[in-house]
């Protein structure tokens, strides 16, 4: 039977509630070699946040900004940026918010698609409300997978909601570049948005309650990003909070368009700042409050607690799974897709009666992430603070990336830093952080070393090419060796 959209059937082996990138992977891995049937239930665009409002559009906005900045640093090279052309390319990247290609992928993979909003209605049961208000009940023979994602949080600041500020969806799909923008937050979304907004010509101010940007990374990462933002002309107001927001002539003009007149933000110290638009990047909330969790004995509204197989705790049997932002283990698309692969394989294995099941614990040890600011921030595993909190016998090795021949070739004004966190007892790397132009591709090698627990004595024989940024591995290992031999670090 060919896969279809809104098929005339009500039962599948696997129902995936939510059709984002992780959900697609769960359906694929549960069904591709097992003979199990699978269906995606989605009321918005198939492909989810990453494809249309997060990873893909943000990187398409950031890459031109980074490329122009790097080009301007090289003698004999001139470059300029055309904001309208950048936005047009972004639209191509997100398929003009059309999920036809994603639907076709699902159908070609043998996965059915049901359009509508799904809610649990008891064990292995999902009720779908369609756009016309009608409902249909679906049942799963083996499993239901929750992939309902998350949405931006709005702090409880007087006047903020009424001002209709931009969230991540607006700033990634903006139709116009506001002349002046205030960004509330200091995490990944805030720093990336500030980078591309400034690069596209906006006057940007960043207000962050913390005293450092990217506080979940090694301290030097946030410091280097802050220094570059300030060098570029972005105004940073750290250790400050918004106490009130006011806006004249509020208008719901749609995603990515300025939502009214001038916006005024009063800070906790009484300072007033004005802008044409306000971007709120203050964290995310899981979409689990209205998916029928109460019908299976679970509270709604929070992250779903899962085991190493992505199975949800607190539910009888082994039929309910949660992946991606819904489980809160790591709010990163690639980690959600990894969880989905594990969950899909577990479902297929259990359906076949197998007891040797894959575990997501191994992959979470690596936990790779790249922040595509200028400079980029790449990390894997734990920070030094996290490793010490976990009780490990920690040593570190650090090195200035600008001291490498490979980085000087990239740009004469290179600024960057690298750090390894080492478990001295087992002689393995448990964390790595790199900051600088072109470091994103270093993260996978770090992830490999961490997940595979490759001893430093073995890594010493992994020779980096010259002159490339990967030479940093040699310099970091040399630094660790000198320290162990009692020499200067």
Foldseek 3Di string as FASTA:
>chain_A
DFAEEADPDFEFQEEEQAQAPQSLLLQLLQPQPQPGAYEYEEAFARRPCCLAQPVQLLVLLLVVLQVQVLQVQDPPGHDADDLVVSLVVSCVSSVVRDRPVVCVVCRVSRYYYYHAHWADQAPQKIWGQHPVRDIDIHGHNFAYEYDQFWFADDDPAAPPVVQVAAESRQLSNAPDQFQEEEEEAQELSRLSSLQSSVSSHHAYEYEYLAQFHNVQAPRVQRVVSVVVSVVSRYHYHYNKDWRHKDFPAAACPDRNYQGGAKMWTAIPVRDIDITSGYYYHHDIWGPFQGRHPVSQPDHTGHAFAAFQQQAGPPGPDRHYGYFAVNNPLANDSVLRNVSSSQNSNQSSCVVVVHDPGDTSPLLQLFPWDWRSHAFIKIKTAHDQVVCVVVVAPKDKFKDWLLPAPAVCVSGVVWGKMKMFIARVVLQATRMIMITTHPCHVVSVVSSCRNSVRPHLVVLCPVDDDPPHSVCVSNVRSVRVVCVVVPHDD
